[in-house]
Every structure is written in structure tokens, then in C-alpha cells.
PDB file of N, CA and C in Angstrom:
ATOM      1  N   MET A   1      90.769 118.784  64.086  1.00  0.00           N
ATOM      2  CA  MET A   1      91.699 117.675  64.170  1.00  0.00           C
ATOM      3  C   MET A   1      92.217 117.579  65.609  1.00  0.00           C
ATOM      4  N   HIS A   2      92.302 116.384  66.104  1.00  0.00           N
ATOM      5  CA  HIS A   2      92.796 116.093  67.446  1.00  0.00           C
ATOM      6  C   HIS A   2      94.310 116.207  67.488  1.00  0.00           C
ATOM      7  N   SER A   3      94.873 116.488  68.658  1.00  0.00           N
ATOM      8  CA  SER A   3      96.325 116.638  68.798  1.00  0.00           C
ATOM      9  C   SER A   3      97.088 115.352  68.458  1.00  0.00           C
ATOM     10  N   LEU A   4      96.414 114.206  68.467  1.00  0.00           N
ATOM     11  CA  LEU A   4      97.074 112.947  68.109  1.00  0.00           C
ATOM     12  C   LEU A   4      97.032 112.701  66.602  1.00  0.00           C
ATOM     13  N   GLY A   5      96.462 113.637  65.827  1.00  0.00           N
ATOM     14  CA  GLY A   5      96.505 113.540  64.388  1.00  0.00           C
ATOM     15  C   GLY A   5      95.303 112.888  63.731  1.00  0.00           C
ATOM     16  N   TYR A   6      94.195 112.759  64.434  1.00  0.00           N
ATOM     17  CA  TYR A   6      92.998 112.188  63.821  1.00  0.00           C
ATOM     18  C   TYR A   6      91.806 113.085  64.106  1.00  0.00           C
ATOM     19  N   THR A   7      90.777 112.947  63.298  1.00  0.00           N
ATOM     20  CA  THR A   7      89.553 113.706  63.482  1.00  0.00           C
ATOM     21  C   THR A   7      88.581 112.871  64.307  1.00  0.00           C
ATOM     22  N   PRO A   8      88.150 113.380  65.481  1.00  0.00           N
ATOM     23  CA  PRO A   8      87.203 112.615  66.302  1.00  0.00           C
ATOM     24  C   PRO A   8      85.879 112.390  65.563  1.00  0.00           C
ATOM     25  N   CYS A   9      85.247 111.267  65.835  1.00  0.00           N
ATOM     26  CA  CYS A   9      83.945 110.995  65.241  1.00  0.00           C
ATOM     27  C   CYS A   9      82.921 110.789  66.350  1.00  0.00           C
ATOM     28  N   GLN A  10      81.664 110.933  65.995  1.00  0.00           N
ATOM     29  CA  GLN A  10      80.576 110.738  66.941  1.00  0.00           C
ATOM     30  C   GLN A  10      80.234 109.253  67.006  1.00  0.00           C
ATOM     31  N   ILE A  11      80.340 108.659  68.161  1.00  0.00           N
ATOM     32  CA  ILE A  11      79.998 107.243  68.342  1.00  0.00           C
ATOM     33  C   ILE A  11      78.675 107.180  69.096  1.00  0.00           C
ATOM     34  N   ASP A  12      77.695 106.484  68.525  1.00  0.00           N
ATOM     35  CA  ASP A  12      76.368 106.392  69.128  1.00  0.00           C
ATOM     36  C   ASP A  12      76.152 105.114  69.926  1.00  0.00           C
ATOM     37  N   GLY A  13      76.946 104.098  69.652  1.00  0.00           N
ATOM     38  CA  GLY A  13      76.731 102.829  70.338  1.00  0.00           C
ATOM     39  C   GLY A  13      77.955 101.944  70.262  1.00  0.00           C
ATOM     40  N   PHE A  14      77.986 100.959  71.133  1.00  0.00           N
ATOM     41  CA  PHE A  14      79.128 100.059  71.234  1.00  0.00           C
ATOM     42  C   PHE A  14      78.676  98.606  71.174  1.00  0.00           C
ATOM     43  N   LEU A  15      79.371  97.829  70.355  1.00  0.00           N
ATOM     44  CA  LEU A  15      79.247  96.382  70.381  1.00  0.00           C
ATOM     45  C   LEU A  15      80.249  95.907  71.432  1.00  0.00           C
ATOM     46  N   CYS A  16      79.763  95.482  72.563  1.00  0.00           N
ATOM     47  CA  CYS A  16      80.616  95.093  73.684  1.00  0.00           C
ATOM     48  C   CYS A  16      80.995  93.620  73.540  1.00  0.00           C
ATOM     49  N   PRO A  17      82.275  93.284  73.638  1.00  0.00           N
ATOM     50  CA  PRO A  17      82.737  91.936  73.333  1.00  0.00           C
ATOM     51  C   PRO A  17      82.252  90.882  74.321  1.00  0.00           C
ATOM     52  N   GLY A  18      81.574  89.880  73.790  1.00  0.00           N
ATOM     53  CA  GLY A  18      81.062  88.802  74.625  1.00  0.00           C
ATOM     54  C   GLY A  18      82.155  88.026  75.320  1.00  0.00           C
ATOM     55  N   ASN A  19      83.308  87.826  74.649  1.00  0.00           N
ATOM     56  CA  ASN A  19      84.378  87.046  75.268  1.00  0.00           C
ATOM     57  C   ASN A  19      84.923  87.740  76.508  1.00  0.00           C
ATOM     58  N   VAL A  20      84.964  89.047  76.525  1.00  0.00           N
ATOM     59  CA  VAL A  20      85.394  89.796  77.705  1.00  0.00           C
ATOM     60  C   VAL A  20      84.317  89.727  78.783  1.00  0.00           C
ATOM     61  N   THR A  21      83.063  89.884  78.362  1.00  0.00           N
ATOM     62  CA  THR A  21      81.937  89.922  79.291  1.00  0.00           C
ATOM     63  C   THR A  21      81.765  88.591  80.030  1.00  0.00           C
ATOM     64  N   ILE A  22      82.164  87.498  79.416  1.00  0.00           N
ATOM     65  CA  ILE A  22      82.108  86.194  80.094  1.00  0.00           C
ATOM     66  C   ILE A  22      82.854  86.265  81.422  1.00  0.00           C
ATOM     67  N   ILE A  23      83.959  86.988  81.452  1.00  0.00           N
ATOM     68  CA  ILE A  23      84.766  87.126  82.666  1.00  0.00           C
ATOM     69  C   ILE A  23      84.279  88.291  83.524  1.00  0.00           C
ATOM     70  N   THR A  24      84.117  89.458  82.914  1.00  0.00           N
ATOM     71  CA  THR A  24      83.865  90.682  83.681  1.00  0.00           C
ATOM     72  C   THR A  24      82.429  90.845  84.153  1.00  0.00           C
ATOM     73  N   GLY A  25      81.484  90.293  83.412  1.00  0.00           N
ATOM     74  CA  GLY A  25      80.082  90.606  83.652  1.00  0.00           C
ATOM     75  C   GLY A  25      79.721  91.884  82.909  1.00  0.00           C
ATOM     76  N   THR A  26      78.472  92.247  82.930  1.00  0.00           N
ATOM     77  CA  THR A  26      77.991  93.385  82.144  1.00  0.00           C
ATOM     78  C   THR A  26      78.171  94.737  82.822  1.00  0.00           C
ATOM     79  N   HIS A  27      78.427  94.755  84.120  1.00  0.00           N
ATOM     80  CA  HIS A  27      78.492  96.027  84.851  1.00  0.00           C
ATOM     81  C   HIS A  27      79.558  96.983  84.320  1.00  0.00           C
ATOM     82  N   ILE A  28      80.595  96.459  83.665  1.00  0.00           N
ATOM     83  CA  ILE A  28      81.665  97.345  83.177  1.00  0.00           C
ATOM     84  C   ILE A  28      81.186  98.285  82.076  1.00  0.00           C
ATOM     85  N   TYR A  29      80.037  98.012  81.485  1.00  0.00           N
ATOM     86  CA  TYR A  29      79.522  98.836  80.400  1.00  0.00           C
ATOM     87  C   TYR A  29      78.518  99.886  80.866  1.00  0.00           C
ATOM     88  N   GLU A  30      78.216  99.938  82.146  1.00  0.00           N
ATOM     89  CA  GLU A  30      77.236 100.900  82.653  1.00  0.00           C
ATOM     90  C   GLU A  30      77.608 102.357  82.365  1.00  0.00           C
ATOM     91  N   PRO A  31      78.900 102.743  82.411  1.00  0.00           N
ATOM     92  CA  PRO A  31      79.239 104.134  82.068  1.00  0.00           C
ATOM     93  C   PRO A  31      78.849 104.514  80.632  1.00  0.00           C
ATOM     94  N   ILE A  32      78.794 103.550  79.742  1.00  0.00           N
ATOM     95  CA  ILE A  32      78.388 103.835  78.357  1.00  0.00           C
ATOM     96  C   ILE A  32      76.938 104.292  78.347  1.00  0.00           C
ATOM     97  N   ILE A  33      76.084 103.603  79.080  1.00  0.00           N
ATOM     98  CA  ILE A  33      74.657 103.960  79.146  1.00  0.00           C
ATOM     99  C   ILE A  33      74.495 105.320  79.824  1.00  0.00           C
ATOM    100  N   LYS A  34      75.270 105.552  80.886  1.00  0.00           N
ATOM    101  CA  LYS A  34      75.188 106.842  81.589  1.00  0.00           C
ATOM    102  C   LYS A  34      75.607 107.998  80.687  1.00  0.00           C
ATOM    103  N   ALA A  35      76.417 107.706  79.666  1.00  0.00           N
ATOM    104  CA  ALA A  35      76.834 108.722  78.699  1.00  0.00           C
ATOM    105  C   ALA A  35      75.853 108.825  77.526  1.00  0.00           C
ATOM    106  N   SER A  36      74.673 108.219  77.676  1.00  0.00           N
ATOM    107  CA  SER A  36      73.624 108.228  76.638  1.00  0.00           C
ATOM    108  C   SER A  36      74.109 107.647  75.320  1.00  0.00           C
ATOM    109  N   LYS A  37      74.717 106.473  75.423  1.00  0.00           N
ATOM    110  CA  LYS A  37      75.148 105.703  74.261  1.00  0.00           C
ATOM    111  C   LYS A  37      74.555 104.308  74.386  1.00  0.00           C
ATOM    112  N   ALA A  38      74.382 103.642  73.267  1.00  0.00           N
ATOM    113  CA  ALA A  38      73.876 102.267  73.269  1.00  0.00           C
ATOM    114  C   ALA A  38      75.024 101.306  73.570  1.00  0.00           C
ATOM    115  N   ALA A  39      74.726 100.225  74.278  1.00  0.00           N
ATOM    116  CA  ALA A  39      75.725  99.198  74.582  1.00  0.00           C
ATOM    117  C   ALA A  39      75.056  97.834  74.488  1.00  0.00           C
ATOM    118  N   VAL A  40      75.583  96.983  73.604  1.00  0.00           N
ATOM    119  CA  VAL A  40      75.022  95.659  73.400  1.00  0.00           C
ATOM    120  C   VAL A  40      76.158  94.639  73.464  1.00  0.00           C
ATOM    121  N   VAL A  41      76.033  93.683  74.379  1.00  0.00           N
ATOM    122  CA  VAL A  41      77.003  92.584  74.467  1.00  0.00           C
ATOM    123  C   VAL A  41      76.708  91.619  73.334  1.00  0.00           C
ATOM    124  N   VAL A  42      77.755  91.256  72.594  1.00  0.00           N
ATOM    125  CA  VAL A  42      77.553  90.500  71.364  1.00  0.00           C
ATOM    126  C   VAL A  42      78.538  89.341  71.260  1.00  0.00           C
ATOM    127  N   GLY A  43      78.062  88.255  70.654  1.00  0.00           N
ATOM    128  CA  GLY A  43      78.923  87.136  70.303  1.00  0.00           C
ATOM    129  C   GLY A  43      79.566  87.404  68.954  1.00  0.00           C
ATOM    130  N   PHE A  44      80.201  86.393  68.379  1.00  0.00           N
ATOM    131  CA  PHE A  44      80.991  86.618  67.177  1.00  0.00           C
ATOM    132  C   PHE A  44      80.432  85.946  65.927  1.00  0.00           C
ATOM    133  N   GLU A  45      79.245  85.403  66.013  1.00  0.00           N
ATOM    134  CA  GLU A  45      78.597  84.856  64.819  1.00  0.00           C
ATOM    135  C   GLU A  45      77.910  86.000  64.075  1.00  0.00           C
ATOM    136  N   SER A  46      77.764  85.834  62.770  1.00  0.00           N
ATOM    137  CA  SER A  46      77.202  86.917  61.953  1.00  0.00           C
ATOM    138  C   SER A  46      75.813  87.326  62.426  1.00  0.00           C
ATOM    139  N   THR A  47      74.987  86.368  62.824  1.00  0.00           N
ATOM    140  CA  THR A  47      73.641  86.728  63.298  1.00  0.00           C
ATOM    141  C   THR A  47      73.709  87.487  64.621  1.00  0.00           C
ATOM    142  N   ASP A  48      74.707  87.177  65.469  1.00  0.00           N
ATOM    143  CA  ASP A  48      74.901  87.932  66.716  1.00  0.00           C
ATOM    144  C   ASP A  48      75.219  89.386  66.396  1.00  0.00           C
ATOM    145  N   ILE A  49      76.147  89.584  65.485  1.00  0.00           N
ATOM    146  CA  ILE A  49      76.616  90.924  65.152  1.00  0.00           C
ATOM    147  C   ILE A  49      75.509  91.738  64.481  1.00  0.00           C
ATOM    148  N   LEU A  50      74.849  91.161  63.480  1.00  0.00           N
ATOM    149  CA  LEU A  50      73.788  91.888  62.778  1.00  0.00           C
ATOM    150  C   LEU A  50      72.621  92.220  63.706  1.00  0.00           C
ATOM    151  N   GLY A  51      72.217  91.262  64.519  1.00  0.00           N
ATOM    152  CA  GLY A  51      71.124  91.520  65.463  1.00  0.00           C
ATOM    153  C   GLY A  51      71.477  92.603  66.469  1.00  0.00           C
ATOM    154  N   SER A  52      72.730  92.619  66.905  1.00  0.00           N
ATOM    155  CA  SER A  52      73.158  93.626  67.876  1.00  0.00           C
ATOM    156  C   SER A  52      73.268  95.007  67.245  1.00  0.00           C
ATOM    157  N   ILE A  53      73.683  95.082  65.997  1.00  0.00           N
ATOM    158  CA  ILE A  53      73.690  96.363  65.288  1.00  0.00           C
ATOM    159  C   ILE A  53      72.269  96.896  65.170  1.00  0.00           C
ATOM    160  N   LEU A  54      71.319  96.017  64.851  1.00  0.00           N
ATOM    161  CA  LEU A  54      69.918  96.417  64.779  1.00  0.00           C
ATOM    162  C   LEU A  54      69.431  96.936  66.141  1.00  0.00           C
ATOM    163  N   THR A  55      69.835  96.279  67.216  1.00  0.00           N
ATOM    164  CA  THR A  55      69.465  96.724  68.565  1.00  0.00           C
ATOM    165  C   THR A  55      70.027  98.113  68.849  1.00  0.00           C
ATOM    166  N   ILE A  56      71.270  98.354  68.467  1.00  0.00           N
ATOM    167  CA  ILE A  56      71.871  99.679  68.661  1.00  0.00           C
ATOM    168  C   ILE A  56      71.116 100.731  67.861  1.00  0.00           C
ATOM    169  N   ILE A  57      70.796 100.436  66.609  1.00  0.00           N
ATOM    170  CA  ILE A  57      70.047 101.387  65.779  1.00  0.00           C
ATOM    171  C   ILE A  57      68.710 101.730  66.435  1.00  0.00           C
ATOM    172  N   GLY A  58      68.028 100.715  66.959  1.00  0.00           N
ATOM    173  CA  GLY A  58      66.753 100.954  67.640  1.00  0.00           C
ATOM    174  C   GLY A  58      66.912 101.855  68.850  1.00  0.00           C
ATOM    175  N   GLN A  59      67.971 101.633  69.637  1.00  0.00           N
ATOM    176  CA  GLN A  59      68.196 102.470  70.821  1.00  0.00           C
ATOM    177  C   GLN A  59      68.518 103.907  70.431  1.00  0.00           C
ATOM    178  N   VAL A  60      69.357 104.068  69.423  1.00  0.00           N
ATOM    179  CA  VAL A  60      69.723 105.419  68.977  1.00  0.00           C
ATOM    180  C   VAL A  60      68.490 106.148  68.450  1.00  0.00           C
ATOM    181  N   ASN A  61      67.689 105.473  67.649  1.00  0.00           N
ATOM    182  CA  ASN A  61      66.483 106.098  67.086  1.00  0.00           C
ATOM    183  C   ASN A  61      65.465 106.464  68.157  1.00  0.00           C
ATOM    184  N   SER A  62      65.344 105.633  69.197  1.00  0.00           N
ATOM    185  CA  SER A  62      64.355 105.902  70.244  1.00  0.00           C
ATOM    186  C   SER A  62      64.902 106.807  71.348  1.00  0.00           C
ATOM    187  N   GLY A  63      66.235 106.884  71.457  1.00  0.00           N
ATOM    188  CA  GLY A  63      66.836 107.654  72.553  1.00  0.00           C
ATOM    189  C   GLY A  63      66.739 106.947  73.884  1.00  0.00           C
ATOM    190  N   ASP A  64      66.335 105.684  73.876  1.00  0.00           N
ATOM    191  CA  ASP A  64      66.188 104.879  75.095  1.00  0.00           C
ATOM    192  C   ASP A  64      67.405 103.952  75.214  1.00  0.00           C
ATOM    193  N   PHE A  65      68.442 104.426  75.897  1.00  0.00           N
ATOM    194  CA  PHE A  65      69.698 103.690  75.966  1.00  0.00           C
ATOM    195  C   PHE A  65      69.696 102.728  77.147  1.00  0.00           C
ATOM    196  N   GLN A  66      69.933 101.459  76.825  1.00  0.00           N
ATOM    197  CA  GLN A  66      69.958 100.388  77.826  1.00  0.00           C
ATOM    198  C   GLN A  66      71.130  99.474  77.521  1.00  0.00           C
ATOM    199  N   LEU A  67      71.601  98.803  78.553  1.00  0.00           N
ATOM    200  CA  LEU A  67      72.613  97.772  78.363  1.00  0.00           C
ATOM    201  C   LEU A  67      71.889  96.465  78.053  1.00  0.00           C
ATOM    202  N   ILE A  68      72.113  95.925  76.872  1.00  0.00           N
ATOM    203  CA  ILE A  68      71.456  94.704  76.425  1.00  0.00           C
ATOM    204  C   ILE A  68      72.510  93.612  76.274  1.00  0.00           C
ATOM    205  N   ASN A  69      72.238  92.441  76.831  1.00  0.00           N
ATOM    206  CA  ASN A  69      73.123  91.290  76.677  1.00  0.00           C
ATOM    207  C   ASN A  69      72.525  90.370  75.617  1.00  0.00           C
ATOM    208  N   ASN A  70      73.058  90.444  74.397  1.00  0.00           N
ATOM    209  CA  ASN A  70      72.592  89.574  73.315  1.00  0.00           C
ATOM    210  C   ASN A  70      73.421  88.292  73.227  1.00  0.00           C
ATOM    211  N   TYR A  71      74.247  88.034  74.221  1.00  0.00           N
ATOM    212  CA  TYR A  71      75.122  86.857  74.212  1.00  0.00           C
ATOM    213  C   TYR A  71      74.901  86.043  75.490  1.00  0.00           C
ATOM    214  N   THR A  72      73.641  85.912  75.871  1.00  0.00           N
ATOM    215  CA  THR A  72      73.312  85.246  77.138  1.00  0.00           C
ATOM    216  C   THR A  72      73.649  83.755  77.152  1.00  0.00           C
ATOM    217  N   ARG A  73      73.863  83.162  75.992  1.00  0.00           N
ATOM    218  CA  ARG A  73      74.216  81.744  75.972  1.00  0.00           C
ATOM    219  C   ARG A  73      75.604  81.502  76.574  1.00  0.00           C
ATOM    220  N   ALA A  74      76.427  82.552  76.661  1.00  0.00           N
ATOM    221  CA  ALA A  74      77.764  82.393  77.229  1.00  0.00           C
ATOM    222  C   ALA A  74      78.098  83.455  78.271  1.00  0.00           C
ATOM    223  N   ALA A  75      77.636  84.678  78.084  1.00  0.00           N
ATOM    224  CA  ALA A  75      77.981  85.789  78.974  1.00  0.00           C
ATOM    225  C   ALA A  75      76.832  86.052  79.943  1.00  0.00           C
ATOM    226  N   LYS A  76      77.107  85.878  81.215  1.00  0.00           N
ATOM    227  CA  LYS A  76      76.109  86.139  82.248  1.00  0.00           C
ATOM    228  C   LYS A  76      76.342  87.529  82.829  1.00  0.00           C
ATOM    229  N   ASN A  77      75.292  88.146  83.331  1.00  0.00           N
ATOM    230  CA  ASN A  77      75.413  89.499  83.867  1.00  0.00           C
ATOM    231  C   ASN A  77      76.445  89.602  84.974  1.00  0.00           C
ATOM    232  N   GLU A  78      76.574  88.568  85.805  1.00  0.00           N
ATOM    233  CA  GLU A  78      77.536  88.608  86.928  1.00  0.00           C
ATOM    234  C   GLU A  78      78.944  88.220  86.502  1.00  0.00           C
ATOM    235  N   GLY A  79      79.121  87.655  85.323  1.00  0.00           N
ATOM    236  CA  GLY A  79      80.446  87.248  84.852  1.00  0.00           C
ATOM    237  C   GLY A  79      80.970  86.037  85.604  1.00  0.00           C
ATOM    238  N   ASN A  80      82.280  85.883  85.626  1.00  0.00           N
ATOM    239  CA  ASN A  80      82.936  84.754  86.283  1.00  0.00           C
ATOM    240  C   ASN A  80      83.784  85.305  87.423  1.00  0.00           C
ATOM    241  N   ILE A  81      83.254  85.243  88.637  1.00  0.00           N
ATOM    242  CA  ILE A  81      83.894  85.839  89.804  1.00  0.00           C
ATOM    243  C   ILE A  81      85.275  85.223  90.058  1.00  0.00           C
ATOM    244  N   ARG A  82      85.394  83.917  89.977  1.00  0.00           N
ATOM    245  CA  ARG A  82      86.675  83.251  90.229  1.00  0.00           C
ATOM    246  C   ARG A  82      87.729  83.668  89.202  1.00  0.00           C
ATOM    247  N   ALA A  83      87.345  83.794  87.955  1.00  0.00           N
ATOM    248  CA  ALA A  83      88.285  84.234  86.929  1.00  0.00           C
ATOM    249  C   ALA A  83      88.760  85.658  87.195  1.00  0.00           C
ATOM    250  N   ARG A  84      87.864  86.531  87.651  1.00  0.00           N
ATOM    251  CA  ARG A  84      88.258  87.910  87.983  1.00  0.00           C
ATOM    252  C   ARG A  84      89.226  87.927  89.157  1.00  0.00           C
ATOM    253  N   GLU A  85      88.990  87.091  90.154  1.00  0.00           N
ATOM    254  CA  GLU A  85      89.903  87.016  91.306  1.00  0.00           C
ATOM    255  C   GLU A  85      91.295  86.563  90.868  1.00  0.00           C
ATOM    256  N   LEU A  86      91.347  85.537  90.022  1.00  0.00           N
ATOM    257  CA  LEU A  86      92.641  85.055  89.535  1.00  0.00           C
ATOM    258  C   LEU A  86      93.357  86.125  88.695  1.00  0.00           C
ATOM    259  N   THR A  87      92.613  86.808  87.842  1.00  0.00           N
ATOM    260  CA  THR A  87      93.194  87.864  87.020  1.00  0.00           C
ATOM    261  C   THR A  87      93.748  88.988  87.899  1.00  0.00           C
ATOM    262  N   ALA A  88      92.993  89.395  88.905  1.00  0.00           N
ATOM    263  CA  ALA A  88      93.425  90.470  89.808  1.00  0.00           C
ATOM    264  C   ALA A  88      94.675  90.080  90.598  1.00  0.00           C
ATOM    265  N   SER A  89      94.872  88.791  90.830  1.00  0.00           N
ATOM    266  CA  SER A  89      96.058  88.360  91.575  1.00  0.00           C
ATOM    267  C   SER A  89      97.319  88.392  90.715  1.00  0.00           C
ATOM    268  N   VAL A  90      97.177  88.531  89.402  1.00  0.00           N
ATOM    269  CA  VAL A  90      98.321  88.484  88.486  1.00  0.00           C
ATOM    270  C   VAL A  90      98.591  89.837  87.828  1.00  0.00           C
ATOM    271  N   PHE A  91      97.535  90.595  87.498  1.00  0.00           N
ATOM    272  CA  PHE A  91      97.674  91.827  86.728  1.00  0.00           C
ATOM    273  C   PHE A  91      97.370  93.055  87.576  1.00  0.00           C
ATOM    274  N   THR A  92      97.987  94.182  87.207  1.00  0.00           N
ATOM    275  CA  THR A  92      97.735  95.468  87.849  1.00  0.00           C
ATOM    276  C   THR A  92      97.083  96.393  86.822  1.00  0.00           C
ATOM    277  N   PRO A  93      95.909  96.949  87.124  1.00  0.00           N
ATOM    278  CA  PRO A  93      95.257  97.866  86.179  1.00  0.00           C
ATOM    279  C   PRO A  93      96.122  99.115  85.952  1.00  0.00           C
ATOM    280  N   THR A  94      96.130  99.587  84.723  1.00  0.00           N
ATOM    281  CA  THR A  94      96.862 100.801  84.374  1.00  0.00           C
ATOM    282  C   THR A  94      96.210 101.454  83.163  1.00  0.00           C
ATOM    283  N   ASP A  95      96.426 102.737  82.985  1.00  0.00           N
ATOM    284  CA  ASP A  95      95.911 103.449  81.817  1.00  0.00           C
ATOM    285  C   ASP A  95      96.760 103.128  80.599  1.00  0.00           C
ATOM    286  N   ALA A  96      96.151 103.240  79.426  1.00  0.00           N
ATOM    287  CA  ALA A  96      96.872 103.048  78.168  1.00  0.00           C
ATOM    288  C   ALA A  96      96.141 103.794  77.063  1.00  0.00           C
ATOM    289  N   VAL A  97      96.854 104.215  76.038  1.00  0.00           N
ATOM    290  CA  VAL A  97      96.248 104.796  74.850  1.00  0.00           C
ATOM    291  C   VAL A  97      95.921 103.636  73.930  1.00  0.00           C
ATOM    292  N   TRP A  98      94.650 103.576  73.463  1.00  0.00           N
ATOM    293  CA  TRP A  98      94.204 102.376  72.764  1.00  0.00           C
ATOM    294  C   TRP A  98      93.374 102.697  71.536  1.00  0.00           C
ATOM    295  N   ARG A  99      93.809 102.235  70.393  1.00  0.00           N
ATOM    296  CA  ARG A  99      93.073 102.202  69.122  1.00  0.00           C
ATOM    297  C   ARG A  99      92.205 103.408  68.815  1.00  0.00           C
ATOM    298  N   GLY A 100      92.741 104.574  68.953  1.00  0.00           N
ATOM    299  CA  GLY A 100      91.999 105.771  68.583  1.00  0.00           C
ATOM    300  C   GLY A 100      90.996 106.233  69.627  1.00  0.00           C
ATOM    301  N   PHE A 101      90.822 105.496  70.727  1.00  0.00           N
ATOM    302  CA  PHE A 101      89.917 105.923  71.787  1.00  0.00           C
ATOM    303  C   PHE A 101      90.592 106.936  72.706  1.00  0.00           C
ATOM    304  N   GLY A 102      91.906 106.995  72.635  1.00  0.00           N
ATOM    305  CA  GLY A 102      92.636 107.855  73.567  1.00  0.00           C
ATOM    306  C   GLY A 102      92.976 107.079  74.826  1.00  0.00           C
ATOM    307  N   ARG A 103      93.197 107.811  75.900  1.00  0.00           N
ATOM    308  CA  ARG A 103      93.597 107.189  77.164  1.00  0.00           C
ATOM    309  C   ARG A 103      92.404 106.517  77.824  1.00  0.00           C
ATOM    310  N   LEU A 104      92.588 105.260  78.152  1.00  0.00           N
ATOM    311  CA  LEU A 104      91.545 104.475  78.840  1.00  0.00           C
ATOM    312  C   LEU A 104      92.058 104.073  80.204  1.00  0.00           C
TER     313      LEU A 104
END
């Protein structure tokens, strides 16, 4: 049991939010791949989610971890540079404890 009162679980892959990726681009998920985990950018329609889960299962089974953008109709690899500039002019990055992931 973890000191925060929960039992850690093994996570093999991440469904990366397409709405965030529209702004940030896909590069923010590269540490997931470096940690030998699957990472798939996904939209919010049922076929997006199911197809991306299948992609994660394939990566886990093969051990070939890659960053896949399954939401290319809206999320581009480079993201939205102007939106990032505007966000950076208003917000200051900081650590936070978030939804059972611990400190991010």
C-alpha cells in the first residue's frame, strides 16, 4: 500500500487526450514511450477510443512502444504554437498531486 492510502497498479499504456494535444502537440508524450509504455492520442468518439485501446494492446503484446496519433483530424504533431504562447503568457507551470498519479 502506498503512503497516500492506495495500492499502486501497473499501467501499460495511456490514452492521451486529443483536446490537449491540439494545443501542445505530441512531443509531451515522449517520456511515456521512453518509459516503455504505449501512448496513443485519441479523440472522444467511441470508435476513436476502441481503436486506440486496440492499438495499445498491440503495442503491449509486441513490446514495440511508439507514440501514435489516432486523432490526426484535429491534433497535429506540432500542436498550436500561438495557443501555447498565449497560455505561457498567462499561466505558470507548477507541480500538483493529481488523480492517483501522485506528483506531476
